[in-house]
Amino acid sequence: MLFRSKDRSGLGLAPSPSGLTVVHVAANSPASADWTAGDEVVAINGVRIDGSYNSGRLWRWRYGAPGTRVTLDLRGGDKRHLVLADYY
């Protein structure tokens, strides 16, 4: 089955050795107020990012329903909350 949905986070992410690196933040997106390129995400809703990120279900967090609140843990211990939305 083909998975089709819409990214509602506004974050462009690239895999890094220990998580995900923000490479793009979409204007007027849920992420536009708090995120910058170079931020490093190490966990999503308390689940550490590892080598199975792209082949498991964890990567689907960005495609949740509008209004879904997601907690992203950053390298260094900070946490940020993001509410998914239709922004385009």
C-alpha atoms as a PDB file:
ATOM      1  CA  MET A   1       0.000   0.000   0.000  1.00  0.00           C
ATOM      2  CA  LEU A   2       1.322   3.441  -0.928  1.00  0.00           C
ATOM      3  CA  PHE A   3       1.401   5.977   1.901  1.00  0.00           C
ATOM      4  CA  ARG A   4       0.139   9.376   0.816  1.00  0.00           C
ATOM      5  CA  SER A   5      -0.322  12.338   3.037  1.00  0.00           C
ATOM      6  CA  LYS A   6       0.705  15.894   3.612  1.00  0.00           C
ATOM      7  CA  ASP A   7       3.578  17.109   5.775  1.00  0.00           C
ATOM      8  CA  ARG A   8       2.048  19.317   8.438  1.00  0.00           C
ATOM      9  CA  SER A   9       5.221  20.136  10.392  1.00  0.00           C
ATOM     10  CA  GLY A  10       7.021  22.584   8.126  1.00  0.00           C
ATOM     11  CA  LEU A  11      10.378  20.961   8.837  1.00  0.00           C
ATOM     12  CA  GLY A  12      12.705  19.679   6.144  1.00  0.00           C
ATOM     13  CA  LEU A  13      14.786  16.985   7.837  1.00  0.00           C
ATOM     14  CA  ALA A  14      17.866  14.984   6.885  1.00  0.00           C
ATOM     15  CA  PRO A  15      19.165  11.904   8.689  1.00  0.00           C
ATOM     16  CA  SER A  16      22.307  12.396  10.756  1.00  0.00           C
ATOM     17  CA  PRO A  17      24.335   9.776  12.644  1.00  0.00           C
ATOM     18  CA  SER A  18      22.315  10.226  15.834  1.00  0.00           C
ATOM     19  CA  GLY A  19      19.020  11.785  14.780  1.00  0.00           C
ATOM     20  CA  LEU A  20      17.638  14.264  12.298  1.00  0.00           C
ATOM     21  CA  THR A  21      19.038  17.629  11.254  1.00  0.00           C
ATOM     22  CA  VAL A  22      16.709  20.460  10.249  1.00  0.00           C
ATOM     23  CA  VAL A  23      17.723  21.577   6.755  1.00  0.00           C
ATOM     24  CA  HIS A  24      14.710  23.764   5.936  1.00  0.00           C
ATOM     25  CA  VAL A  25      11.897  25.514   7.784  1.00  0.00           C
ATOM     26  CA  ALA A  26       8.865  26.411   5.669  1.00  0.00           C
ATOM     27  CA  ALA A  27       7.556  29.962   5.965  1.00  0.00           C
ATOM     28  CA  ASN A  28       4.226  30.325   7.775  1.00  0.00           C
ATOM     29  CA  SER A  29       4.415  26.724   8.986  1.00  0.00           C
ATOM     30  CA  PRO A  30       3.951  25.437  12.529  1.00  0.00           C
ATOM     31  CA  ALA A  31       7.756  25.286  12.808  1.00  0.00           C
ATOM     32  CA  SER A  32       8.502  28.780  11.500  1.00  0.00           C
ATOM     33  CA  ALA A  33       8.461  30.522  14.897  1.00  0.00           C
ATOM     34  CA  ASP A  34      10.875  28.297  16.836  1.00  0.00           C
ATOM     35  CA  TRP A  35      13.041  26.303  14.442  1.00  0.00           C
ATOM     36  CA  THR A  36      16.160  27.051  12.411  1.00  0.00           C
ATOM     37  CA  ALA A  37      18.304  25.062  10.017  1.00  0.00           C
ATOM     38  CA  GLY A  38      20.905  23.115  11.957  1.00  0.00           C
ATOM     39  CA  ASP A  39      18.667  22.166  14.898  1.00  0.00           C
ATOM     40  CA  GLU A  40      19.142  18.472  15.756  1.00  0.00           C
ATOM     41  CA  VAL A  41      16.236  16.243  16.778  1.00  0.00           C
ATOM     42  CA  VAL A  42      17.144  13.095  18.736  1.00  0.00           C
ATOM     43  CA  ALA A  43      13.691  11.801  19.777  1.00  0.00           C
ATOM     44  CA  ILE A  44      10.057  12.136  18.754  1.00  0.00           C
ATOM     45  CA  ASN A  45       7.381  11.782  21.430  1.00  0.00           C
ATOM     46  CA  GLY A  46       9.993  10.157  23.666  1.00  0.00           C
ATOM     47  CA  VAL A  47      11.147   7.596  21.069  1.00  0.00           C
ATOM     48  CA  ARG A  48      14.858   7.859  20.218  1.00  0.00           C
ATOM     49  CA  ILE A  49      15.676   8.158  16.542  1.00  0.00           C
ATOM     50  CA  ASP A  50      17.879   5.344  15.275  1.00  0.00           C
ATOM     51  CA  GLY A  51      18.741   3.596  12.019  1.00  0.00           C
ATOM     52  CA  SER A  52      15.200   2.253  11.648  1.00  0.00           C
ATOM     53  CA  TYR A  53      13.660   5.744  11.378  1.00  0.00           C
ATOM     54  CA  ASN A  54      13.113   5.630   7.607  1.00  0.00           C
ATOM     55  CA  SER A  55      11.927   2.022   7.481  1.00  0.00           C
ATOM     56  CA  GLY A  56       9.713   2.032  10.579  1.00  0.00           C
ATOM     57  CA  ARG A  57       6.623   4.002  11.508  1.00  0.00           C
ATOM     58  CA  LEU A  58       8.318   6.797  13.431  1.00  0.00           C
ATOM     59  CA  TRP A  59       8.859   8.930  10.307  1.00  0.00           C
ATOM     60  CA  ARG A  60       5.085   9.288   9.873  1.00  0.00           C
ATOM     61  CA  TRP A  61       4.784  11.750  12.776  1.00  0.00           C
ATOM     62  CA  ARG A  62       4.894  14.696  10.330  1.00  0.00           C
ATOM     63  CA  TYR A  63       1.785  13.476   8.540  1.00  0.00           C
ATOM     64  CA  GLY A  64      -0.569  13.344  11.525  1.00  0.00           C
ATOM     65  CA  ALA A  65      -3.919  15.068  11.688  1.00  0.00           C
ATOM     66  CA  PRO A  66      -4.030  18.850  12.064  1.00  0.00           C
ATOM     67  CA  GLY A  67      -3.992  19.737  15.756  1.00  0.00           C
ATOM     68  CA  THR A  68      -1.765  16.801  16.724  1.00  0.00           C
ATOM     69  CA  ARG A  69       0.807  17.907  19.309  1.00  0.00           C
ATOM     70  CA  VAL A  70       4.274  16.409  18.865  1.00  0.00           C
ATOM     71  CA  THR A  71       7.169  16.618  21.329  1.00  0.00           C
ATOM     72  CA  LEU A  72      10.620  16.768  19.763  1.00  0.00           C
ATOM     73  CA  ASP A  73      13.728  16.282  21.902  1.00  0.00           C
ATOM     74  CA  LEU A  74      16.799  18.206  20.797  1.00  0.00           C
ATOM     75  CA  ARG A  75      20.451  17.425  21.223  1.00  0.00           C
ATOM     76  CA  GLY A  76      21.443  19.054  24.500  1.00  0.00           C
ATOM     77  CA  GLY A  77      18.236  18.096  26.299  1.00  0.00           C
ATOM     78  CA  ASP A  78      15.753  20.791  25.261  1.00  0.00           C
ATOM     79  CA  LYS A  79      12.237  19.794  24.208  1.00  0.00           C
ATOM     80  CA  ARG A  80      10.034  21.606  21.729  1.00  0.00           C
ATOM     81  CA  HIS A  81       6.369  21.107  21.071  1.00  0.00           C
ATOM     82  CA  LEU A  82       4.928  21.412  17.606  1.00  0.00           C
ATOM     83  CA  VAL A  83       1.232  21.405  16.708  1.00  0.00           C
ATOM     84  CA  LEU A  84       0.701  20.012  13.216  1.00  0.00           C
ATOM     85  CA  ALA A  85      -1.368  22.189  10.877  1.00  0.00           C
ATOM     86  CA  ASP A  86      -2.414  22.640   7.275  1.00  0.00           C
ATOM     87  CA  TYR A  87      -0.268  25.626   6.323  1.00  0.00           C
ATOM     88  CA  TYR A  88      -0.192  25.358   2.534  1.00  0.00           C
END
